Every structure is written in C-alpha cells, then in structure tokens.
Protein backbone atom coordinates (compact mmCIF):
# COMPACT_ATOMS: atom_id res chain seq x y z
CA MET A 1 60.98 29.87 -20.92
CA ASP A 2 58.30 31.15 -18.54
CA GLU A 3 55.31 30.61 -20.81
CA GLU A 4 56.55 26.50 -20.85
CA VAL A 5 56.36 25.96 -17.73
CA PHE A 6 52.65 24.70 -16.51
CA ASP A 7 50.98 25.70 -13.26
CA ALA A 8 50.60 22.06 -12.60
CA ILE A 9 51.04 18.69 -14.12
CA ILE A 10 49.21 16.36 -12.75
CA VAL A 11 50.38 12.32 -13.15
CA GLY A 12 47.08 9.92 -13.17
CA GLY A 13 43.73 10.60 -14.91
CA GLY A 14 41.62 8.77 -12.09
CA LEU A 15 39.40 10.60 -9.54
CA ALA A 16 42.13 12.25 -7.47
CA GLY A 17 43.92 13.72 -10.77
CA CYS A 18 40.67 14.72 -12.63
CA THR A 19 39.19 16.88 -9.74
CA ALA A 20 42.50 18.29 -9.06
CA ALA A 21 42.54 18.99 -12.74
CA TYR A 22 38.82 20.48 -12.39
CA VAL A 23 39.42 22.65 -9.79
CA LEU A 24 42.99 24.15 -10.97
CA ALA A 25 41.48 24.61 -14.80
CA LYS A 26 38.19 26.20 -13.46
CA ALA A 27 40.45 29.07 -11.53
CA GLY A 28 42.18 29.69 -14.73
CA CYS A 29 45.39 27.59 -14.37
CA GLU A 30 47.36 25.91 -17.02
CA VAL A 31 47.42 22.33 -16.23
CA VAL A 32 47.97 19.06 -18.11
CA VAL A 33 46.71 15.63 -16.90
CA ILE A 34 49.59 12.82 -17.81
CA GLU A 35 47.53 9.60 -17.95
CA ARG A 36 49.30 6.06 -18.69
CA GLY A 37 46.13 4.73 -20.23
CA PRO A 38 44.37 5.28 -23.33
CA PHE A 39 41.84 7.70 -21.25
CA SER A 40 40.79 8.24 -17.80
CA GLY A 41 39.45 5.37 -15.93
CA SER A 42 40.56 2.61 -18.62
CA LYS A 43 42.61 0.87 -15.52
CA ASN A 44 39.34 0.90 -13.88
CA MET A 45 37.16 -0.90 -16.12
CA THR A 46 34.76 -2.59 -13.47
CA GLY A 47 32.36 -0.85 -11.00
CA GLY A 48 32.78 0.20 -7.73
CA ARG A 49 30.98 2.33 -5.13
CA LEU A 50 31.06 6.11 -4.87
CA TYR A 51 29.85 8.20 -1.79
CA GLY A 52 28.56 11.64 -3.62
CA HIS A 53 29.35 14.30 -0.88
CA SER A 54 32.73 15.14 -1.87
CA LEU A 55 31.88 15.42 -5.68
CA GLU A 56 29.06 17.70 -4.57
CA LYS A 57 31.16 20.02 -3.09
CA VAL A 58 32.88 20.29 -6.45
CA ILE A 59 30.13 19.92 -8.86
CA PRO A 60 27.00 20.46 -7.29
CA GLY A 61 24.41 18.18 -8.54
CA PHE A 62 26.82 15.87 -10.56
CA ALA A 63 24.83 12.84 -10.22
CA GLU A 64 22.05 14.54 -12.92
CA THR A 65 24.15 14.56 -15.73
CA ALA A 66 27.12 11.87 -14.57
CA PRO A 67 27.26 8.31 -15.61
CA VAL A 68 25.97 6.93 -12.46
CA GLU A 69 24.77 3.29 -12.34
CA ARG A 70 22.21 3.55 -9.26
CA VAL A 71 21.86 4.82 -5.77
CA ILE A 72 22.29 2.75 -3.37
CA THR A 73 19.14 2.64 -0.88
CA LYS A 74 19.96 -1.33 0.36
CA GLU A 75 22.64 -2.36 2.53
CA ARG A 76 23.60 -6.23 2.80
CA LEU A 77 26.01 -7.84 4.69
CA SER A 78 26.59 -11.59 4.76
CA PHE A 79 28.25 -14.00 6.81
CA LEU A 80 28.79 -17.31 4.75
CA THR A 81 30.12 -20.59 5.44
CA GLU A 82 30.51 -23.12 2.27
CA THR A 83 27.03 -23.74 1.91
CA GLU A 84 25.08 -21.64 4.35
CA GLY A 85 24.72 -17.39 4.56
CA THR A 86 23.51 -15.19 7.18
CA THR A 87 22.36 -12.00 5.89
CA VAL A 88 22.12 -8.41 8.04
CA ASP A 89 19.68 -6.05 5.53
CA TYR A 90 19.02 -2.69 6.00
CA THR A 91 16.74 -0.56 3.47
CA ASN A 92 16.36 2.80 3.42
CA PRO A 93 14.72 5.32 0.65
CA ALA A 94 16.42 8.18 2.81
CA LEU A 95 19.81 6.80 1.81
CA SER A 96 19.15 8.58 -1.61
CA ASP A 97 19.10 11.75 -0.23
CA PRO A 98 22.13 14.10 -2.13
CA THR A 99 23.55 14.84 1.06
CA CYS A 100 24.51 11.14 2.04
CA ALA A 101 23.87 9.33 -0.95
CA SER A 102 26.26 6.79 -2.63
CA TYR A 103 26.19 5.47 -5.71
CA ALA A 104 27.57 2.33 -7.94
CA VAL A 105 29.52 3.63 -10.77
CA LEU A 106 31.63 2.01 -13.67
CA ARG A 107 34.61 3.60 -13.43
CA ALA A 108 35.72 3.64 -16.84
CA PRO A 109 32.40 6.14 -18.41
CA PHE A 110 32.52 7.67 -15.15
CA ASP A 111 36.02 8.53 -14.91
CA GLN A 112 36.09 9.66 -18.36
CA TRP A 113 32.99 11.99 -17.67
CA LEU A 114 35.16 13.53 -14.89
CA ALA A 115 37.97 14.26 -17.33
CA GLU A 116 35.49 15.36 -19.90
CA GLN A 117 34.49 18.48 -17.19
CA ALA A 118 37.75 19.29 -16.06
CA GLU A 119 38.66 19.62 -19.93
CA GLY A 120 35.81 21.44 -20.60
CA GLU A 121 37.30 24.09 -18.00
CA GLY A 122 40.73 24.28 -20.23
CA ALA A 123 42.70 21.62 -18.54
CA MET A 124 44.57 19.72 -21.54
CA PHE A 125 44.30 15.67 -21.15
CA VAL A 126 47.75 13.32 -22.49
CA ASN A 127 46.66 10.10 -22.71
CA GLU A 128 48.71 6.75 -23.32
CA ILE A 129 51.93 8.45 -21.85
CA ARG A 130 54.18 6.97 -19.15
CA VAL A 131 56.18 8.87 -16.64
CA ASP A 132 59.17 7.57 -16.10
CA ASP A 133 60.85 10.14 -13.95
CA LEU A 134 60.65 13.49 -11.80
CA ILE A 135 62.90 16.35 -12.92
CA VAL A 136 64.13 16.97 -9.26
CA GLU A 137 66.54 20.09 -9.31
CA ASP A 138 68.38 21.39 -6.42
CA GLY A 139 65.54 19.35 -4.22
CA ARG A 140 62.77 20.23 -5.81
CA VAL A 141 60.59 18.55 -8.34
CA ARG A 142 60.43 20.77 -11.20
CA GLY A 143 58.41 18.38 -13.51
CA VAL A 144 58.21 14.92 -15.19
CA ARG A 145 59.99 13.19 -17.80
CA ALA A 146 58.32 10.72 -20.23
CA GLY A 147 60.52 8.86 -22.47
CA ASP A 148 62.68 12.02 -24.32
CA ASP A 149 60.50 14.74 -23.43
CA ASP A 150 60.93 16.73 -20.03
CA MET A 151 57.78 18.99 -19.09
CA TYR A 152 58.27 21.41 -16.47
CA ALA A 153 55.72 22.62 -13.94
CA ARG A 154 55.46 24.79 -10.81
CA VAL A 155 54.00 22.14 -8.62
CA THR A 156 53.50 18.22 -9.63
CA ILE A 157 50.81 16.62 -8.12
CA LEU A 158 50.99 12.34 -8.01
CA ALA A 159 47.78 10.72 -8.33
CA ASP A 160 49.23 7.62 -9.98
CA GLY A 161 47.66 4.92 -7.93
CA ALA A 162 47.87 2.59 -4.99
CA VAL A 163 51.54 1.80 -6.03
CA SER A 164 53.07 5.21 -6.71
CA LEU A 165 56.23 4.47 -8.18
CA LEU A 166 57.11 7.99 -8.57
CA GLY A 167 56.39 8.69 -5.11
CA GLN A 168 58.82 5.70 -4.05
CA LYS A 169 61.66 7.36 -6.64
CA LEU A 170 61.47 10.18 -4.46
CA GLY A 171 61.60 8.31 -1.08
CA MET A 172 58.24 9.94 0.00
CA VAL A 173 56.43 6.87 -0.46
CA PRO A 174 58.23 3.40 1.29
CA LYS A 175 58.38 0.51 -0.25
CA LEU A 176 55.34 -1.90 -0.78
CA ASP A 177 54.40 -3.47 2.89
CA PRO A 178 52.10 -6.79 2.37
CA HIS A 179 50.37 -5.83 5.14
CA LYS A 180 48.92 -2.39 4.01
CA TYR A 181 47.94 -3.52 0.58
CA ALA A 182 45.58 -6.01 -0.60
CA VAL A 183 44.76 -7.88 -4.02
CA ALA A 184 40.95 -7.40 -5.76
CA ALA A 185 39.61 -9.77 -8.45
CA LYS A 186 36.90 -8.11 -9.60
CA GLU A 187 34.25 -8.81 -12.79
CA THR A 188 31.19 -6.67 -14.32
CA ILE A 189 28.68 -9.52 -15.21
CA GLN A 190 26.06 -8.55 -17.61
CA LEU A 191 22.22 -8.82 -17.03
CA ASP A 192 19.14 -6.99 -18.19
CA GLU A 193 17.95 -4.09 -16.11
CA LYS A 194 14.64 -5.38 -14.67
CA THR A 195 16.14 -8.66 -13.68
CA VAL A 196 18.65 -6.67 -11.65
CA SER A 197 15.93 -4.90 -9.79
CA ASP A 198 14.05 -7.79 -9.32
CA ARG A 199 16.31 -10.23 -8.21
CA PHE A 200 17.70 -7.14 -5.54
CA GLY A 201 14.18 -6.35 -4.59
CA VAL A 202 14.80 -2.34 -5.55
CA VAL A 203 12.80 -0.31 -7.72
CA PRO A 204 14.58 1.08 -11.21
CA GLY A 205 17.31 3.59 -10.86
CA GLU A 206 17.62 2.05 -7.01
CA GLY A 207 20.33 -0.46 -6.03
CA CYS A 208 22.11 -2.68 -3.54
CA ALA A 209 25.70 -2.73 -2.27
CA TRP A 210 26.12 -6.47 -0.79
CA LEU A 211 29.34 -7.08 1.32
CA PHE A 212 30.23 -11.09 1.97
CA VAL A 213 32.25 -12.02 4.95
CA GLY A 214 33.94 -15.74 5.33
CA ASP A 215 34.27 -18.59 2.87
CA PRO A 216 34.89 -16.04 -0.02
CA THR A 217 38.38 -15.67 1.13
CA HIS A 218 38.53 -19.09 2.76
CA GLY A 219 38.87 -17.70 6.06
CA HIS A 220 41.79 -14.87 5.34
CA ILE A 221 41.55 -11.33 5.90
CA GLY A 222 39.11 -9.74 3.39
CA GLY A 223 35.85 -10.20 1.72
CA GLY A 224 33.62 -10.08 -1.45
CA PHE A 225 31.28 -7.41 -2.75
CA LEU A 226 29.05 -6.77 -4.98
CA TYR A 227 27.35 -3.58 -6.37
CA THR A 228 24.42 -3.08 -8.68
CA ASN A 229 24.66 -1.19 -11.84
CA LYS A 230 21.87 -0.53 -13.98
CA ASP A 231 22.07 -3.78 -16.28
CA SER A 232 24.89 -5.58 -14.75
CA VAL A 233 26.47 -6.22 -11.49
CA SER A 234 30.05 -5.80 -10.15
CA LEU A 235 31.13 -8.76 -8.47
CA GLY A 236 34.53 -9.07 -6.54
CA VAL A 237 37.06 -10.09 -3.80
CA VAL A 238 39.67 -8.68 -1.79
CA THR A 239 42.63 -9.91 0.37
CA THR A 240 45.49 -8.74 1.87
CA ILE A 241 48.98 -9.35 0.04
CA GLY A 242 50.24 -10.44 3.55
CA ASP A 243 47.92 -13.53 3.68
CA ILE A 244 48.47 -14.59 -0.03
CA ASP A 245 51.47 -16.22 0.98
CA TYR A 246 49.86 -18.43 3.07
CA SER A 247 46.58 -19.20 1.22
CA ASP A 248 45.82 -22.58 -0.50
CA ILE A 249 43.58 -20.68 -2.70
CA SER A 250 44.40 -17.86 -5.26
CA VAL A 251 42.25 -14.75 -5.25
CA PRO A 252 40.80 -15.93 -8.64
CA ALA A 253 39.79 -18.93 -7.33
CA MET A 254 38.49 -16.81 -4.20
CA LEU A 255 36.01 -15.20 -6.82
CA LYS A 256 35.28 -18.41 -8.34
CA ARG A 257 34.28 -19.52 -5.07
CA LEU A 258 31.87 -16.83 -4.62
CA GLU A 259 30.33 -16.77 -7.96
CA ALA A 260 29.41 -20.16 -7.02
CA HIS A 261 28.32 -19.91 -3.69
CA PRO A 262 24.41 -20.99 -2.82
CA VAL A 263 23.68 -16.94 -1.60
CA VAL A 264 25.64 -15.41 -4.85
CA ALA A 265 24.74 -18.04 -7.95
CA PRO A 266 21.15 -17.43 -8.44
CA LEU A 267 21.87 -13.30 -8.21
CA ILE A 268 24.06 -13.90 -11.19
CA ALA A 269 22.59 -16.66 -13.22
CA GLY A 270 22.32 -16.10 -16.86
CA GLY A 271 24.70 -13.22 -16.88
CA ASP A 272 27.42 -12.87 -19.11
CA MET A 273 30.85 -11.79 -18.13
CA ARG A 274 31.30 -8.42 -19.46
CA GLU A 275 34.86 -7.15 -18.02
CA TYR A 276 37.33 -8.86 -15.55
CA THR A 277 40.11 -7.19 -13.93
CA GLY A 278 42.40 -7.19 -10.75
CA ARG A 279 44.34 -4.58 -9.15
CA MET A 280 46.01 -3.16 -5.81
CA VAL A 281 43.82 -1.72 -2.76
CA ILE A 282 45.02 0.06 0.04
CA GLU A 283 44.46 -1.23 3.20
CA GLY A 284 47.17 0.26 5.69
CA GLY A 285 44.77 3.19 7.28
CA LEU A 286 46.45 6.06 8.97
CA ALA A 287 49.39 3.99 9.57
CA GLY A 288 49.83 3.49 5.80
CA VAL A 289 49.75 7.14 4.97
CA PRO A 290 53.13 8.47 3.73
CA GLU A 291 54.89 11.51 3.06
CA LEU A 292 52.78 13.85 1.32
CA VAL A 293 54.22 17.33 0.76
CA ARG A 294 57.85 18.35 -0.42
CA ASP A 295 59.18 21.25 -2.38
CA GLY A 296 57.28 21.23 -5.46
CA VAL A 297 55.21 18.15 -5.20
CA LEU A 298 51.81 16.61 -3.40
CA ILE A 299 50.59 13.38 -3.26
CA ALA A 300 46.93 12.57 -3.84
CA GLY A 301 44.28 10.06 -3.77
CA ASP A 302 45.24 6.17 -3.69
CA ALA A 303 48.52 6.91 -4.12
CA GLY A 304 49.16 8.92 -0.94
CA ALA A 305 47.16 5.54 0.90
CA LEU A 306 44.21 7.86 1.71
CA GLY A 307 40.95 5.38 1.87
CA LEU A 308 39.30 3.59 4.34
CA ASN A 309 38.26 0.08 5.22
CA THR A 310 35.93 -0.48 8.02
CA GLY A 311 34.60 -3.91 6.94
CA TYR A 312 31.23 -2.99 6.71
CA CYS A 313 32.43 -0.01 4.77
CA VAL A 314 34.98 0.79 2.00
CA ARG A 315 35.66 3.78 0.61
CA GLY A 316 38.49 5.39 -1.73
CA MET A 317 36.64 7.42 -4.36
CA ASP A 318 35.33 9.87 -2.04
CA PHE A 319 38.85 10.51 -0.22
CA ALA A 320 40.05 10.33 -3.82
CA ILE A 321 37.96 13.39 -4.88
CA GLU A 322 38.21 15.10 -1.62
CA SER A 323 42.35 15.04 -1.89
CA GLY A 324 42.42 16.13 -5.16
CA ARG A 325 40.01 19.06 -4.44
CA LEU A 326 42.15 19.99 -1.19
CA ALA A 327 45.50 19.48 -3.51
CA ALA A 328 44.34 22.10 -6.22
CA GLU A 329 43.19 24.53 -3.53
CA THR A 330 46.97 24.33 -1.82
CA VAL A 331 48.02 25.10 -5.27
CA LEU A 332 45.93 28.12 -5.78
CA ALA A 333 47.13 29.58 -2.60
CA ALA A 334 50.72 28.80 -3.47
CA LYS A 335 50.30 30.51 -6.77
CA GLU A 336 49.01 33.71 -5.06
CA LYS A 337 52.32 34.01 -3.12
CA ASP A 338 54.69 32.34 -5.93
CA ASP A 339 55.92 30.15 -3.39
CA TYR A 340 55.73 26.61 -4.13
CA SER A 341 58.54 25.25 -1.44
CA ALA A 342 57.37 22.41 0.66
CA ALA A 343 56.75 25.32 3.76
CA SER A 344 53.95 26.62 1.70
CA LEU A 345 52.54 23.51 0.43
CA ALA A 346 52.44 22.02 3.64
CA THR A 347 48.72 23.86 3.98
CA TYR A 348 47.81 20.89 2.07
CA THR A 349 48.19 18.61 5.13
CA ALA A 350 46.47 20.96 7.33
CA ARG A 351 43.32 20.87 5.00
CA LEU A 352 43.85 17.39 5.12
CA ASP A 353 43.48 17.15 8.70
CA ASP A 354 40.43 19.57 8.98
CA SER A 355 38.77 17.12 6.50
CA PHE A 356 36.73 14.04 6.94
CA ILE A 357 39.71 12.06 4.80
CA MET A 358 41.97 12.85 8.15
CA LYS A 359 39.52 12.95 10.95
CA ASP A 360 38.22 9.33 9.33
CA LEU A 361 41.58 8.21 9.23
CA LYS A 362 42.26 8.87 12.67
CA HIS A 363 39.07 7.67 13.93
CA TYR A 364 39.56 4.16 12.34
CA ALA A 365 43.32 3.96 13.13
CA LYS A 366 43.44 0.84 15.02
CA PHE A 367 40.79 -0.71 12.45
CA PRO A 368 43.69 -2.48 10.05
CA ALA A 369 45.42 -4.23 13.41
CA PHE A 370 42.18 -5.45 14.87
CA MET A 371 41.47 -7.30 11.66
CA GLU A 372 44.99 -8.91 11.29
CA GLU A 373 44.65 -10.09 15.46
CA THR A 374 41.16 -10.99 15.04
CA ARG A 375 40.83 -13.58 12.75
CA ARG A 376 38.07 -15.36 14.37
CA MET A 377 35.98 -12.54 12.31
CA PHE A 378 36.80 -14.40 9.08
CA THR A 379 37.08 -17.85 10.13
CA ASP A 380 34.81 -18.97 13.38
CA TYR A 381 32.18 -16.15 13.28
CA GLY A 382 30.33 -16.77 10.33
CA PRO A 383 29.77 -20.70 10.79
CA MET A 384 28.75 -19.50 14.49
CA LEU A 385 26.02 -17.56 13.01
CA ASN A 386 24.92 -19.76 10.25
CA GLU A 387 24.57 -22.55 13.37
CA ILE A 388 22.46 -20.58 15.29
CA MET A 389 20.19 -19.52 12.18
CA GLY A 390 20.22 -23.26 11.50
CA GLY A 391 18.94 -24.38 14.57
CA LEU A 392 16.19 -21.63 14.74
CA PHE A 393 14.88 -22.36 11.28
CA THR A 394 15.44 -26.12 10.66
CA VAL A 395 11.76 -28.02 11.30
CA ASP A 396 12.68 -31.58 11.12
CA GLY A 397 10.17 -33.18 13.87
CA SER A 398 12.66 -34.25 16.53
CA ALA A 399 11.94 -33.14 19.94
CA PRO A 400 12.31 -29.18 20.61
CA VAL A 401 15.66 -27.49 22.09
CA PRO A 402 15.40 -24.36 24.12
CA LEU A 403 16.41 -21.20 21.91
CA THR A 404 19.37 -20.67 24.19
CA LYS A 405 20.60 -24.05 24.19
CA LYS A 406 20.66 -23.94 20.61
CA ALA A 407 22.55 -20.82 20.26
CA MET A 408 24.79 -21.52 23.02
CA GLY A 409 26.31 -24.61 21.64
CA ALA A 410 27.37 -22.64 18.85
CA VAL A 411 28.78 -19.67 20.90
CA LYS A 412 30.62 -22.13 22.99
CA LYS A 413 32.47 -23.50 20.05
CA VAL A 414 33.99 -20.54 19.53
CA GLY A 415 34.25 -19.13 23.48
CA LEU A 416 32.45 -16.43 25.38
CA MET A 417 35.83 -15.07 26.67
CA ASN A 418 36.87 -14.93 23.01
CA ILE A 419 33.56 -13.23 21.64
CA ALA A 420 33.73 -10.67 24.45
CA LYS A 421 37.09 -9.88 24.01
CA ASP A 422 36.46 -9.24 19.96
CA ALA A 423 33.61 -7.35 20.77
CA ARG A 424 35.51 -5.10 23.11
CA LYS A 425 38.34 -4.95 20.81
CA GLY A 426 35.90 -4.31 18.02
CA MET A 427 34.23 -1.37 19.78
CA LYS A 428 37.37 0.20 20.26
CA ALA A 429 38.77 -0.03 16.72
CA LEU A 430 35.35 1.71 15.54
C-alpha cells in the first residue's frame, strides 16, 4: 500500500501547482499534478503580466529559455471619458533588470513550459481529469477522488483556481463573496511584431503595460488593461461581481467599449482577434484570504486568494509562484519529520508571513475597501482631469483664461473637500 501513496498530489496545473511540483520533484519527491484541462495553461489562453522575481528564486535566469513575450519597460495609466483620455507615461529601461523585471506572457505556452520543467525533474502530470472530491479519513485529507479512481498522498496541495470548489467542500474556503471577486473579459489581438513596437514606442523585445480607468467599466469598480506581446496585444476589462448586479452594461460590452475608445482603437487597428476568454479574478486582498492549512492539505495561489490589486499594479502570477514554492518547502519539511498534521504544516503560514505575499497583502489591506468606498475614482476624476487637459491644450482664438481658473472650474465639480478626503484615504490605503 505504501508504494501507492504519493508524497504529494497537486490539484491544478497553473503557476502555483507547477512551481510546487517542480520544487518537490527536484527534491526527489513522488509528485502527481492533476489538471482538468488538456494541458497546463489551457484555461488561461490570453496574456498577462508576470513579475519575475519569484520565479527567479526557483529557476534562476528563467527568462532566457521561457516563452516570455516582452520585458516591460514602459508603464502607462489612462483616465478615460467617453471620448477623451489623459495618460501618465513612465519609461525606464532599468525596469528590464532581472532583479525587478516583469514580462508580458501568454499563459498557454508559458504554463506549458513551466509544466515541462517540472516534468523534467520527475513530476507526473495527468491532464483532462477532474477531481470530484477529496478523500478525508478521521478529519485528515488522504488524497483525491476522480470519477471511480482514488489516489492517495501524504499531503494534497489545492491549486485549483480562484473559485476553489475543493476548498469550499472542506469548509476552508467560504462561498463566493461578490465583493471579493471580479470577472474579466480578455482577448488577444494579432498584429505583426514591428507594428506592436512602433505603435507603443518600444524597441524589439521591450514592451508596454497600460491600464485604463473610467469609461471602459462605465464608472464601475475595475478598469481596462493592455499588454504588448511579441506580435499581438492582450486587451481586457475587469469589474467586481458586486457591481455587475446594478450595471447597465455587460462585461463583454465593456470590452467592446474599450476596443472602440479613441485612445485604444488606433492601437489595435488592423489586428485580428486570436483568442477570447473570460475568467474569475480574486479582488479581496487580505480580507479574502481563507484558511490555508488543515491535516494533510495546503491551499496555494488563486485558490487561497493570494493576489493583489492596487489599481496601478495588478499581481497574481508572482504570488502564485511564491506560494507554490513555499507550499513545497513546507511539504519537504513535513516529510523530514513524517508529520503531515495541521500543526506541522502550519509552518506554511509562517513562511507566507515572512514572504512578500503577506507583507504586501497586509500593507494594502485597506485598498479593496477604499475602491468600494471611493467610486469618484471611477466616475468623476477621469472627467475632471480631461476637462483640465482640454482647457490647457485647446486653442480656438477666444480670450485667454488663467490656468488656475480653468482648473478650478473642473475641480469644483468634484469638490475640493471630496478630493482632499479621497486623497487622504488613498494615501492611507497605499
């Protein structure tokens, strides 16, 4: 019987699951990864942004061989009205330094590459299998049940995505809270490599990350995003589930609205849509993190709500990779003691507390509530900024108006006290 028991079963072949598998297999553990899709990354077809620091700890110099699209050296943030846009642009080639580099990636090839690295170390991947339930004996998770098959392991790592149904079955992950999750609609638009570089003002190999606030979500919490790939762009919108109930526009319609915006339309002109998908996104911050450890089981990545959205910075991939690594290190320590109890596995939470994951989540703990409470950020500030900019740059031969008077007219529509209060709350939240 003992030889039929794996050291670890990992449910989910995303970044958290593949990283955990790589670390465990490299240490000589018998590991199996069960992935519901036909291959790792199959459910994340479109692109995103990977901050590379966490994977550098696992596979130093990974970007030399991994299928990364472009290293991000240009950051842009646009506040949009229906017809206007005010954009903040930050460019720095130093952002390509491996210590702080981030990359545009297409998840399907990238996740497959990471799975291959884990397989190369001896991890076994079983694809197109859905885990229906967990095997629980005497209060301890002993493995998984997939159809008529039972698979046993000394420890099970749940890395089954933003809505962890298995975590919910155990009572570790609460039922979906619409204020702690968002829905994203994403697409990949094909362009040639030179066109991408020219339109975004970057050299080959370097790219741009662009966030949009205001009009794309029709004033609701969320925004749009664009990442430049080698010969395509990843474009999408995201808004909280809590806002969808009273929204007068659907999420796919928000994406169409973003596509047609005067700021965005020229960037994707002539492109062909290659992929389209929708997915759940964790938005709860620290308040959304569930119970992560019980006897024989750990939760990692999006399943544990380990991600961060600060508006100008959206992170999930580096959190997933780091949590996968820390989960694996916890299992290795438990194996040395042959103790897979909750008390033994609790070092996972200690490892998380010592990592950037919990430090960042604690630092930005107030930000999700700030976004919920400060809807002017999505409704009023875009029009205010664009009115100021319009007054500054419009020349029509009329009598000049002092700049301060132009600006104050727009500011008064929002209210000086409102701006001051929002700025104060924002500084505290960040």
